[in-house]
Amino acid sequence: MSQRDTLSDQILQAFRDHGITAAIGVWFTFIAGLATAVTRKAFTNEALLHKLEQELAEERARIEKRRDDDRRVDHDRLARIERDIHDMRNLIFAAFQHKDSD
């Protein structure tokens, strides 16, 4: 047999020689990777939440502006109706006054 070991034999021998050290190293690597993923996800969620809050504020401002415009249009329309009613009342009153004076 040859003195050459296969790659799997070398990995197995390294794990036997440095088993606890390798396990601790893998554990720390796993924890660091997990912390990185959680932190990235948290910052991504925070950025998404901030973006959604901005869009919500813009939508609320747009809706409030539309409501203000609608209120102004309604106010103008009601003012015209009241003016028309007042003019009709004066016209009818004048007609009755004119009829009575004949």
Protein backbone atom coordinates (compact mmCIF):
# COMPACT_ATOMS: atom_id res chain seq x y z
CA MET A 1 0.00 0.00 0.00
CA SER A 2 1.13 3.49 -0.62
CA GLN A 3 1.94 6.04 2.02
CA ARG A 4 -0.43 8.51 0.46
CA ASP A 5 -3.55 9.22 2.42
CA THR A 6 -6.74 10.30 0.74
CA LEU A 7 -8.30 13.66 1.47
CA SER A 8 -11.00 12.13 3.64
CA ASP A 9 -8.34 10.25 5.62
CA GLN A 10 -6.44 13.48 6.18
CA ILE A 11 -9.60 15.30 7.30
CA LEU A 12 -10.49 12.46 9.63
CA GLN A 13 -6.99 12.46 11.09
CA ALA A 14 -7.10 16.25 11.57
CA PHE A 15 -10.44 15.95 13.36
CA ARG A 16 -9.03 13.21 15.61
CA ASP A 17 -5.97 15.32 16.38
CA HIS A 18 -7.81 18.59 16.89
CA GLY A 19 -11.35 17.43 17.61
CA ILE A 20 -12.40 19.75 20.43
CA THR A 21 -10.56 22.70 18.89
CA ALA A 22 -12.25 22.12 15.56
CA ALA A 23 -15.63 21.75 17.25
CA ILE A 24 -15.15 25.00 19.18
CA GLY A 25 -14.00 26.76 16.01
CA VAL A 26 -17.01 25.52 14.09
CA TRP A 27 -19.28 26.54 16.97
CA PHE A 28 -17.87 30.09 17.04
CA THR A 29 -18.13 30.30 13.25
CA PHE A 30 -21.75 29.16 13.43
CA ILE A 31 -22.58 31.71 16.15
CA ALA A 32 -20.85 34.51 14.23
CA GLY A 33 -22.69 33.58 11.02
CA LEU A 34 -26.00 33.40 12.86
CA ALA A 35 -25.40 36.77 14.52
CA THR A 36 -24.53 38.30 11.16
CA ALA A 37 -27.66 36.90 9.54
CA VAL A 38 -29.89 38.08 12.40
CA THR A 39 -28.30 41.55 12.42
CA ARG A 40 -28.64 41.87 8.65
CA LYS A 41 -32.25 40.75 8.82
CA ALA A 42 -32.96 43.21 11.65
CA PHE A 43 -31.43 46.12 9.73
CA THR A 44 -33.28 45.07 6.57
CA ASN A 45 -36.55 44.92 8.49
CA GLU A 46 -35.81 48.29 10.11
CA ALA A 47 -35.11 49.87 6.72
CA LEU A 48 -38.26 48.33 5.26
CA LEU A 49 -40.30 49.55 8.22
CA HIS A 50 -38.86 53.06 7.82
CA LYS A 51 -39.70 53.04 4.11
CA LEU A 52 -43.26 51.87 4.81
CA GLU A 53 -43.69 54.57 7.46
CA GLN A 54 -42.58 57.22 4.94
CA GLU A 55 -44.98 55.88 2.32
CA LEU A 56 -47.78 55.86 4.88
CA ALA A 57 -47.04 59.46 5.85
CA GLU A 58 -47.03 60.49 2.17
CA GLU A 59 -50.32 58.66 1.59
CA ARG A 60 -51.90 60.31 4.62
CA ALA A 61 -50.73 63.73 3.42
CA ARG A 62 -52.14 63.04 -0.04
CA ILE A 63 -55.48 61.93 1.40
CA GLU A 64 -55.63 64.95 3.73
CA LYS A 65 -54.90 67.27 0.79
CA ARG A 66 -57.68 65.61 -1.22
CA ARG A 67 -60.07 66.00 1.73
CA ASP A 68 -59.16 69.67 2.06
CA ASP A 69 -59.81 70.17 -1.65
CA ASP A 70 -63.14 68.33 -1.37
CA ARG A 71 -64.12 70.45 1.63
CA ARG A 72 -63.27 73.64 -0.25
CA VAL A 73 -65.30 72.49 -3.29
CA ASP A 74 -68.23 71.53 -1.03
CA HIS A 75 -68.02 74.87 0.77
CA ASP A 76 -68.05 76.77 -2.52
CA ARG A 77 -70.97 74.68 -3.81
CA LEU A 78 -72.97 75.25 -0.60
CA ALA A 79 -72.21 78.97 -0.75
CA ARG A 80 -73.56 79.09 -4.33
CA ILE A 81 -76.69 77.16 -3.30
CA GLU A 82 -77.28 79.50 -0.35
CA ARG A 83 -76.76 82.51 -2.62
CA ASP A 84 -79.21 81.09 -5.17
CA ILE A 85 -81.79 80.41 -2.43
CA HIS A 86 -81.34 83.92 -1.07
CA ASP A 87 -81.68 85.40 -4.58
CA MET A 88 -84.82 83.33 -5.27
CA ARG A 89 -86.31 84.38 -1.93
CA ASN A 90 -85.64 88.04 -2.73
CA LEU A 91 -87.07 87.59 -6.23
CA ILE A 92 -90.25 85.96 -4.92
CA PHE A 93 -90.56 88.59 -2.19
CA ALA A 94 -90.14 91.36 -4.78
CA ALA A 95 -92.73 89.69 -7.01
CA PHE A 96 -95.24 89.57 -4.16
CA GLN A 97 -94.47 93.16 -3.25
CA HIS A 98 -94.91 94.24 -6.84
CA LYS A 99 -98.18 92.26 -7.15
CA ASP A 100 -99.56 93.82 -3.98
CA SER A 101 -98.73 97.34 -5.11
CA ASP A 102 -100.71 96.93 -8.36
